[in-house]
PDB file of all heavy atoms in Angstrom:
ATOM      1  N   MET A   1     -33.265  42.036 -12.355  1.00  0.00           N
ATOM      2  CA  MET A   1     -32.168  42.071 -11.387  1.00  0.00           C
ATOM      3  C   MET A   1     -32.716  41.977  -9.969  1.00  0.00           C
ATOM      4  O   MET A   1     -33.763  42.554  -9.656  1.00  0.00           O
ATOM      5  CB  MET A   1     -31.369  43.372 -11.555  1.00  0.00           C
ATOM      6  CG  MET A   1     -30.282  43.605 -10.530  1.00  0.00           C
ATOM      7  SD  MET A   1     -29.224  44.996 -10.993  1.00  0.00           S
ATOM      8  CE  MET A   1     -28.217  44.214 -12.254  1.00  0.00           C
ATOM      9  N   VAL A   2     -31.988  41.250  -9.127  1.00  0.00           N
ATOM     10  CA  VAL A   2     -32.276  41.202  -7.696  1.00  0.00           C
ATOM     11  C   VAL A   2     -30.979  41.496  -6.952  1.00  0.00           C
ATOM     12  O   VAL A   2     -29.953  40.864  -7.219  1.00  0.00           O
ATOM     13  CB  VAL A   2     -32.832  39.826  -7.262  1.00  0.00           C
ATOM     14  CG1 VAL A   2     -33.084  39.822  -5.752  1.00  0.00           C
ATOM     15  CG2 VAL A   2     -34.114  39.492  -8.021  1.00  0.00           C
ATOM     16  N   VAL A   3     -31.031  42.466  -6.053  1.00  0.00           N
ATOM     17  CA  VAL A   3     -29.877  42.846  -5.232  1.00  0.00           C
ATOM     18  C   VAL A   3     -30.241  42.584  -3.779  1.00  0.00           C
ATOM     19  O   VAL A   3     -31.271  43.055  -3.293  1.00  0.00           O
ATOM     20  CB  VAL A   3     -29.511  44.332  -5.435  1.00  0.00           C
ATOM     21  CG1 VAL A   3     -28.327  44.719  -4.564  1.00  0.00           C
ATOM     22  CG2 VAL A   3     -29.200  44.613  -6.905  1.00  0.00           C
ATOM     23  N   ASP A   4     -29.399  41.828  -3.075  1.00  0.00           N
ATOM     24  CA  ASP A   4     -29.726  41.316  -1.738  1.00  0.00           C
ATOM     25  C   ASP A   4     -28.588  41.648  -0.777  1.00  0.00           C
ATOM     26  O   ASP A   4     -27.446  41.241  -0.984  1.00  0.00           O
ATOM     27  CB  ASP A   4     -29.924  39.800  -1.861  1.00  0.00           C
ATOM     28  CG  ASP A   4     -30.398  39.130  -0.581  1.00  0.00           C
ATOM     29  OD1 ASP A   4     -30.313  39.741   0.496  1.00  0.00           O
ATOM     30  OD2 ASP A   4     -30.848  37.977  -0.673  1.00  0.00           O
ATOM     31  N   ILE A   5     -28.900  42.407   0.283  1.00  0.00           N
ATOM     32  CA  ILE A   5     -27.912  42.751   1.307  1.00  0.00           C
ATOM     33  C   ILE A   5     -28.282  42.011   2.591  1.00  0.00           C
ATOM     34  O   ILE A   5     -29.257  42.366   3.267  1.00  0.00           O
ATOM     35  CB  ILE A   5     -27.885  44.266   1.588  1.00  0.00           C
ATOM     36  CG1 ILE A   5     -27.673  45.054   0.292  1.00  0.00           C
ATOM     37  CG2 ILE A   5     -26.804  44.605   2.608  1.00  0.00           C
ATOM     38  CD1 ILE A   5     -27.792  46.562   0.471  1.00  0.00           C
ATOM     39  N   PRO A   6     -27.541  40.959   2.966  1.00  0.00           N
ATOM     40  CA  PRO A   6     -27.845  40.239   4.213  1.00  0.00           C
ATOM     41  C   PRO A   6     -27.308  41.005   5.419  1.00  0.00           C
ATOM     42  O   PRO A   6     -26.204  41.551   5.377  1.00  0.00           O
ATOM     43  CB  PRO A   6     -27.120  38.904   4.020  1.00  0.00           C
ATOM     44  CG  PRO A   6     -26.006  39.205   3.086  1.00  0.00           C
ATOM     45  CD  PRO A   6     -26.457  40.317   2.196  1.00  0.00           C
ATOM     46  N   LEU A   7     -28.114  41.038   6.467  1.00  0.00           N
ATOM     47  CA  LEU A   7     -27.742  41.786   7.676  1.00  0.00           C
ATOM     48  C   LEU A   7     -27.831  40.895   8.913  1.00  0.00           C
ATOM     49  O   LEU A   7     -28.936  40.529   9.333  1.00  0.00           O
ATOM     50  CB  LEU A   7     -28.672  42.996   7.858  1.00  0.00           C
ATOM     51  CG  LEU A   7     -28.676  44.062   6.775  1.00  0.00           C
ATOM     52  CD1 LEU A   7     -29.753  45.102   7.076  1.00  0.00           C
ATOM     53  CD2 LEU A   7     -27.311  44.734   6.649  1.00  0.00           C
ATOM     54  N   PRO A   8     -26.705  40.554   9.540  1.00  0.00           N
ATOM     55  CA  PRO A   8     -26.752  39.871  10.838  1.00  0.00           C
ATOM     56  C   PRO A   8     -26.969  40.921  11.935  1.00  0.00           C
ATOM     57  O   PRO A   8     -26.038  41.317  12.652  1.00  0.00           O
ATOM     58  CB  PRO A   8     -25.366  39.223  10.924  1.00  0.00           C
ATOM     59  CG  PRO A   8     -24.484  40.144  10.133  1.00  0.00           C
ATOM     60  CD  PRO A   8     -25.329  40.722   9.043  1.00  0.00           C
ATOM     61  N   LEU A   9     -28.188  41.391  12.072  1.00  0.00           N
ATOM     62  CA  LEU A   9     -28.481  42.563  12.901  1.00  0.00           C
ATOM     63  C   LEU A   9     -28.004  42.413  14.345  1.00  0.00           C
ATOM     64  O   LEU A   9     -27.556  43.381  14.967  1.00  0.00           O
ATOM     65  CB  LEU A   9     -29.988  42.853  12.878  1.00  0.00           C
ATOM     66  CG  LEU A   9     -30.549  43.317  11.531  1.00  0.00           C
ATOM     67  CD1 LEU A   9     -32.065  43.438  11.608  1.00  0.00           C
ATOM     68  CD2 LEU A   9     -29.931  44.656  11.116  1.00  0.00           C
ATOM     69  N   ALA A  10     -28.115  41.204  14.903  1.00  0.00           N
ATOM     70  CA  ALA A  10     -27.701  41.002  16.293  1.00  0.00           C
ATOM     71  C   ALA A  10     -26.218  41.258  16.490  1.00  0.00           C
ATOM     72  O   ALA A  10     -25.784  41.553  17.610  1.00  0.00           O
ATOM     73  CB  ALA A  10     -28.049  39.579  16.732  1.00  0.00           C
ATOM     74  N   ALA A  11     -25.450  41.171  15.416  1.00  0.00           N
ATOM     75  CA  ALA A  11     -24.007  41.374  15.524  1.00  0.00           C
ATOM     76  C   ALA A  11     -23.569  42.766  15.102  1.00  0.00           C
ATOM     77  O   ALA A  11     -22.394  43.127  15.276  1.00  0.00           O
ATOM     78  CB  ALA A  11     -23.278  40.334  14.662  1.00  0.00           C
ATOM     79  N   ILE A  12     -24.471  43.568  14.546  1.00  0.00           N
ATOM     80  CA  ILE A  12     -24.110  44.894  14.025  1.00  0.00           C
ATOM     81  C   ILE A  12     -24.355  45.937  15.111  1.00  0.00           C
ATOM     82  O   ILE A  12     -25.508  46.178  15.497  1.00  0.00           O
ATOM     83  CB  ILE A  12     -24.924  45.234  12.773  1.00  0.00           C
ATOM     84  CG1 ILE A  12     -24.674  44.205  11.670  1.00  0.00           C
ATOM     85  CG2 ILE A  12     -24.560  46.632  12.262  1.00  0.00           C
ATOM     86  CD1 ILE A  12     -25.500  44.424  10.410  1.00  0.00           C
ATOM     87  N   PRO A  13     -23.321  46.582  15.611  1.00  0.00           N
ATOM     88  CA  PRO A  13     -23.503  47.592  16.664  1.00  0.00           C
ATOM     89  C   PRO A  13     -24.399  48.740  16.201  1.00  0.00           C
ATOM     90  O   PRO A  13     -24.192  49.314  15.132  1.00  0.00           O
ATOM     91  CB  PRO A  13     -22.080  48.088  16.931  1.00  0.00           C
ATOM     92  CG  PRO A  13     -21.187  46.993  16.441  1.00  0.00           C
ATOM     93  CD  PRO A  13     -21.897  46.397  15.267  1.00  0.00           C
ATOM     94  N   GLY A  14     -25.412  49.033  16.993  1.00  0.00           N
ATOM     95  CA  GLY A  14     -26.271  50.175  16.715  1.00  0.00           C
ATOM     96  C   GLY A  14     -27.292  49.969  15.615  1.00  0.00           C
ATOM     97  O   GLY A  14     -27.979  50.922  15.225  1.00  0.00           O
ATOM     98  N   ALA A  15     -27.436  48.752  15.092  1.00  0.00           N
ATOM     99  CA  ALA A  15     -28.389  48.506  14.007  1.00  0.00           C
ATOM    100  C   ALA A  15     -29.826  48.591  14.512  1.00  0.00           C
ATOM    101  O   ALA A  15     -30.143  48.106  15.597  1.00  0.00           O
ATOM    102  CB  ALA A  15     -28.141  47.141  13.381  1.00  0.00           C
ATOM    103  N   ALA A  16     -30.676  49.197  13.730  1.00  0.00           N
ATOM    104  CA  ALA A  16     -32.089  49.299  14.083  1.00  0.00           C
ATOM    105  C   ALA A  16     -32.802  47.982  13.788  1.00  0.00           C
ATOM    106  O   ALA A  16     -32.320  47.145  13.027  1.00  0.00           O
ATOM    107  CB  ALA A  16     -32.738  50.438  13.303  1.00  0.00           C
ATOM    108  N   ALA A  17     -33.970  47.829  14.367  1.00  0.00           N
ATOM    109  CA  ALA A  17     -34.790  46.637  14.144  1.00  0.00           C
ATOM    110  C   ALA A  17     -35.344  46.634  12.729  1.00  0.00           C
ATOM    111  O   ALA A  17     -35.498  47.690  12.109  1.00  0.00           O
ATOM    112  CB  ALA A  17     -35.929  46.602  15.156  1.00  0.00           C
ATOM    113  N   PRO A  18     -35.669  45.453  12.201  1.00  0.00           N
ATOM    114  CA  PRO A  18     -36.183  45.366  10.822  1.00  0.00           C
ATOM    115  C   PRO A  18     -37.375  46.273  10.541  1.00  0.00           C
ATOM    116  O   PRO A  18     -37.443  46.906   9.484  1.00  0.00           O
ATOM    117  CB  PRO A  18     -36.553  43.890  10.682  1.00  0.00           C
ATOM    118  CG  PRO A  18     -35.647  43.183  11.636  1.00  0.00           C
ATOM    119  CD  PRO A  18     -35.492  44.107  12.792  1.00  0.00           C
ATOM    120  N   LYS A  19     -38.321  46.339  11.468  1.00  0.00           N
ATOM    121  CA  LYS A  19     -39.489  47.182  11.231  1.00  0.00           C
ATOM    122  C   LYS A  19     -39.120  48.657  11.145  1.00  0.00           C
ATOM    123  O   LYS A  19     -39.740  49.418  10.385  1.00  0.00           O
ATOM    124  CB  LYS A  19     -40.540  46.949  12.326  1.00  0.00           C
ATOM    125  CG  LYS A  19     -41.241  45.605  12.217  1.00  0.00           C
ATOM    126  CD  LYS A  19     -42.411  45.496  13.179  1.00  0.00           C
ATOM    127  CE  LYS A  19     -43.155  44.176  12.979  1.00  0.00           C
ATOM    128  NZ  LYS A  19     -44.321  44.046  13.881  1.00  0.00           N
ATOM    129  N   ARG A  20     -38.101  49.055  11.878  1.00  0.00           N
ATOM    130  CA  ARG A  20     -37.648  50.454  11.799  1.00  0.00           C
ATOM    131  C   ARG A  20     -36.947  50.713  10.465  1.00  0.00           C
ATOM    132  O   ARG A  20     -37.101  51.784   9.875  1.00  0.00           O
ATOM    133  CB  ARG A  20     -36.688  50.751  12.968  1.00  0.00           C
ATOM    134  CG  ARG A  20     -36.179  52.184  12.994  1.00  0.00           C
ATOM    135  CD  ARG A  20     -37.300  53.169  13.308  1.00  0.00           C
ATOM    136  NE  ARG A  20     -36.868  54.546  13.198  1.00  0.00           N
ATOM    137  CZ  ARG A  20     -37.053  55.300  12.108  1.00  0.00           C
ATOM    138  NH1 ARG A  20     -37.664  54.788  11.037  1.00  0.00           N
ATOM    139  NH2 ARG A  20     -36.642  56.543  12.080  1.00  0.00           N
ATOM    140  N   LEU A  21     -36.194  49.733   9.986  1.00  0.00           N
ATOM    141  CA  LEU A  21     -35.539  49.881   8.680  1.00  0.00           C
ATOM    142  C   LEU A  21     -36.593  50.019   7.577  1.00  0.00           C
ATOM    143  O   LEU A  21     -36.481  50.881   6.700  1.00  0.00           O
ATOM    144  CB  LEU A  21     -34.647  48.672   8.398  1.00  0.00           C
ATOM    145  CG  LEU A  21     -33.500  48.407   9.382  1.00  0.00           C
ATOM    146  CD1 LEU A  21     -32.745  47.145   8.979  1.00  0.00           C
ATOM    147  CD2 LEU A  21     -32.553  49.596   9.470  1.00  0.00           C
ATOM    148  N   LEU A  22     -37.620  49.169   7.655  1.00  0.00           N
ATOM    149  CA  LEU A  22     -38.681  49.232   6.655  1.00  0.00           C
ATOM    150  C   LEU A  22     -39.413  50.568   6.714  1.00  0.00           C
ATOM    151  O   LEU A  22     -39.671  51.200   5.674  1.00  0.00           O
ATOM    152  CB  LEU A  22     -39.663  48.085   6.885  1.00  0.00           C
ATOM    153  CG  LEU A  22     -40.882  48.052   5.965  1.00  0.00           C
ATOM    154  CD1 LEU A  22     -40.466  47.840   4.517  1.00  0.00           C
ATOM    155  CD2 LEU A  22     -41.862  46.966   6.401  1.00  0.00           C
ATOM    156  N   ALA A  23     -39.736  51.015   7.915  1.00  0.00           N
ATOM    157  CA  ALA A  23     -40.448  52.283   8.060  1.00  0.00           C
ATOM    158  C   ALA A  23     -39.625  53.442   7.503  1.00  0.00           C
ATOM    159  O   ALA A  23     -40.169  54.355   6.875  1.00  0.00           O
ATOM    160  CB  ALA A  23     -40.794  52.521   9.527  1.00  0.00           C
ATOM    161  N   ALA A  24     -38.315  53.392   7.732  1.00  0.00           N
ATOM    162  CA  ALA A  24     -37.447  54.468   7.238  1.00  0.00           C
ATOM    163  C   ALA A  24     -37.415  54.497   5.716  1.00  0.00           C
ATOM    164  O   ALA A  24     -37.446  55.568   5.095  1.00  0.00           O
ATOM    165  CB  ALA A  24     -36.043  54.299   7.795  1.00  0.00           C
ATOM    166  N   LEU A  25     -37.374  53.330   5.092  1.00  0.00           N
ATOM    167  CA  LEU A  25     -37.385  53.282   3.633  1.00  0.00           C
ATOM    168  C   LEU A  25     -38.722  53.775   3.084  1.00  0.00           C
ATOM    169  O   LEU A  25     -38.769  54.529   2.098  1.00  0.00           O
ATOM    170  CB  LEU A  25     -37.107  51.862   3.142  1.00  0.00           C
ATOM    171  CG  LEU A  25     -35.681  51.347   3.345  1.00  0.00           C
ATOM    172  CD1 LEU A  25     -35.582  49.873   2.963  1.00  0.00           C
ATOM    173  CD2 LEU A  25     -34.671  52.167   2.537  1.00  0.00           C
ATOM    174  N   ARG A  26     -39.813  53.372   3.717  1.00  0.00           N
ATOM    175  CA  ARG A  26     -41.126  53.822   3.256  1.00  0.00           C
ATOM    176  C   ARG A  26     -41.260  55.339   3.396  1.00  0.00           C
ATOM    177  O   ARG A  26     -41.813  56.012   2.517  1.00  0.00           O
ATOM    178  CB  ARG A  26     -42.234  53.110   4.040  1.00  0.00           C
ATOM    179  CG  ARG A  26     -42.325  51.612   3.721  1.00  0.00           C
ATOM    180  CD  ARG A  26     -43.410  50.925   4.540  1.00  0.00           C
ATOM    181  NE  ARG A  26     -44.728  51.400   4.192  1.00  0.00           N
ATOM    182  CZ  ARG A  26     -45.432  50.947   3.155  1.00  0.00           C
ATOM    183  NH1 ARG A  26     -44.936  50.006   2.377  1.00  0.00           N
ATOM    184  NH2 ARG A  26     -46.630  51.406   2.902  1.00  0.00           N
ATOM    185  N   GLU A  27     -40.728  55.879   4.467  1.00  0.00           N
ATOM    186  CA  GLU A  27     -40.779  57.335   4.662  1.00  0.00           C
ATOM    187  C   GLU A  27     -39.895  58.055   3.642  1.00  0.00           C
ATOM    188  O   GLU A  27     -40.283  59.089   3.078  1.00  0.00           O
ATOM    189  CB  GLU A  27     -40.328  57.678   6.081  1.00  0.00           C
ATOM    190  CG  GLU A  27     -40.338  59.164   6.394  1.00  0.00           C
ATOM    191  CD  GLU A  27     -39.889  59.463   7.807  1.00  0.00           C
ATOM    192  OE1 GLU A  27     -39.643  58.516   8.585  1.00  0.00           O
ATOM    193  OE2 GLU A  27     -39.754  60.663   8.145  1.00  0.00           O
ATOM    194  N   PHE A  28     -38.710  57.524   3.396  1.00  0.00           N
ATOM    195  CA  PHE A  28     -37.763  58.181   2.495  1.00  0.00           C
ATOM    196  C   PHE A  28     -38.309  58.261   1.079  1.00  0.00           C
ATOM    197  O   PHE A  28     -38.136  59.278   0.388  1.00  0.00           O
ATOM    198  CB  PHE A  28     -36.429  57.426   2.503  1.00  0.00           C
ATOM    199  CG  PHE A  28     -35.337  58.114   1.743  1.00  0.00           C
ATOM    200  CD1 PHE A  28     -34.540  59.068   2.355  1.00  0.00           C
ATOM    201  CD2 PHE A  28     -35.092  57.813   0.407  1.00  0.00           C
ATOM    202  CE1 PHE A  28     -33.537  59.722   1.655  1.00  0.00           C
ATOM    203  CE2 PHE A  28     -34.090  58.453  -0.303  1.00  0.00           C
ATOM    204  CZ  PHE A  28     -33.306  59.409   0.325  1.00  0.00           C
ATOM    205  N   TYR A  29     -38.977  57.198   0.626  1.00  0.00           N
ATOM    206  CA  TYR A  29     -39.451  57.154  -0.759  1.00  0.00           C
ATOM    207  C   TYR A  29     -40.937  57.467  -0.886  1.00  0.00           C
ATOM    208  O   TYR A  29     -41.519  57.252  -1.959  1.00  0.00           O
ATOM    209  CB  TYR A  29     -39.155  55.779  -1.363  1.00  0.00           C
ATOM    210  CG  TYR A  29     -37.679  55.516  -1.516  1.00  0.00           C
ATOM    211  CD1 TYR A  29     -37.030  54.576  -0.701  1.00  0.00           C
ATOM    212  CD2 TYR A  29     -36.911  56.210  -2.445  1.00  0.00           C
ATOM    213  CE1 TYR A  29     -35.667  54.334  -0.835  1.00  0.00           C
ATOM    214  CE2 TYR A  29     -35.546  55.974  -2.571  1.00  0.00           C
ATOM    215  CZ  TYR A  29     -34.934  55.036  -1.768  1.00  0.00           C
ATOM    216  OH  TYR A  29     -33.585  54.803  -1.889  1.00  0.00           O
ATOM    217  N   ALA A  30     -41.535  57.981   0.157  1.00  0.00           N
ATOM    218  CA  ALA A  30     -42.956  58.322   0.109  1.00  0.00           C
ATOM    219  C   ALA A  30     -43.222  59.295  -1.039  1.00  0.00           C
ATOM    220  O   ALA A  30     -42.536  60.294  -1.200  1.00  0.00           O
ATOM    221  CB  ALA A  30     -43.394  58.946   1.435  1.00  0.00           C
ATOM    222  N   GLY A  31     -44.219  58.981  -1.834  1.00  0.00           N
ATOM    223  CA  GLY A  31     -44.581  59.859  -2.942  1.00  0.00           C
ATOM    224  C   GLY A  31     -43.839  59.586  -4.238  1.00  0.00           C
ATOM    225  O   GLY A  31     -44.182  60.151  -5.273  1.00  0.00           O
ATOM    226  N   SER A  32     -42.829  58.736  -4.196  1.00  0.00           N
ATOM    227  CA  SER A  32     -42.075  58.440  -5.416  1.00  0.00           C
ATOM    228  C   SER A  32     -42.912  57.586  -6.361  1.00  0.00           C
ATOM    229  O   SER A  32     -43.544  56.616  -5.944  1.00  0.00           O
ATOM    230  CB  SER A  32     -40.773  57.709  -5.090  1.00  0.00           C
ATOM    231  OG  SER A  32     -40.119  57.302  -6.285  1.00  0.00           O
ATOM    232  N   GLU A  33     -42.892  57.940  -7.640  1.00  0.00           N
ATOM    233  CA  GLU A  33     -43.571  57.135  -8.649  1.00  0.00           C
ATOM    234  C   GLU A  33     -42.657  56.058  -9.212  1.00  0.00           C
ATOM    235  O   GLU A  33     -43.115  55.186  -9.955  1.00  0.00           O
ATOM    236  CB  GLU A  33     -44.068  58.031  -9.784  1.00  0.00           C
ATOM    237  CG  GLU A  33     -45.122  59.041  -9.378  1.00  0.00           C
ATOM    238  CD  GLU A  33     -45.606  59.856 -10.553  1.00  0.00           C
ATOM    239  OE1 GLU A  33     -46.209  59.271 -11.469  1.00  0.00           O
ATOM    240  OE2 GLU A  33     -45.366  61.080 -10.552  1.00  0.00           O
ATOM    241  N   VAL A  34     -41.376  56.117  -8.870  1.00  0.00           N
ATOM    242  CA  VAL A  34     -40.398  55.189  -9.421  1.00  0.00           C
ATOM    243  C   VAL A  34     -40.003  54.120  -8.409  1.00  0.00           C
ATOM    244  O   VAL A  34     -39.866  52.947  -8.749  1.00  0.00           O
ATOM    245  CB  VAL A  34     -39.147  55.952  -9.910  1.00  0.00           C
ATOM    246  CG1 VAL A  34     -38.074  54.991 -10.398  1.00  0.00           C
ATOM    247  CG2 VAL A  34     -39.530  56.934 -11.017  1.00  0.00           C
ATOM    248  N   VAL A  35     -39.823  54.514  -7.155  1.00  0.00           N
ATOM    249  CA  VAL A  35     -39.383  53.601  -6.108  1.00  0.00           C
ATOM    250  C   VAL A  35     -40.566  53.238  -5.221  1.00  0.00           C
ATOM    251  O   VAL A  35     -41.241  54.113  -4.681  1.00  0.00           O
ATOM    252  CB  VAL A  35     -38.268  54.216  -5.244  1.00  0.00           C
ATOM    253  CG1 VAL A  35     -37.762  53.194  -4.219  1.00  0.00           C
ATOM    254  CG2 VAL A  35     -37.117  54.707  -6.117  1.00  0.00           C
ATOM    255  N   SER A  36     -40.800  51.944  -5.055  1.00  0.00           N
ATOM    256  CA  SER A  36     -41.849  51.475  -4.154  1.00  0.00           C
ATOM    257  C   SER A  36     -41.227  50.595  -3.082  1.00  0.00           C
ATOM    258  O   SER A  36     -40.184  49.978  -3.287  1.00  0.00           O
ATOM    259  CB  SER A  36     -42.926  50.692  -4.919  1.00  0.00           C
ATOM    260  OG  SER A  36     -42.371  49.546  -5.539  1.00  0.00           O
TER     261      SER A  36
END
């Protein structure tokens, strides 16, 4: 399965930059053996 959420970030009020989104996901799942 592949699940894809497209984000037009320039049009989304208050949206964080891609690198911040990635960093937040890495922090949230840090240490998980199931989610990478």
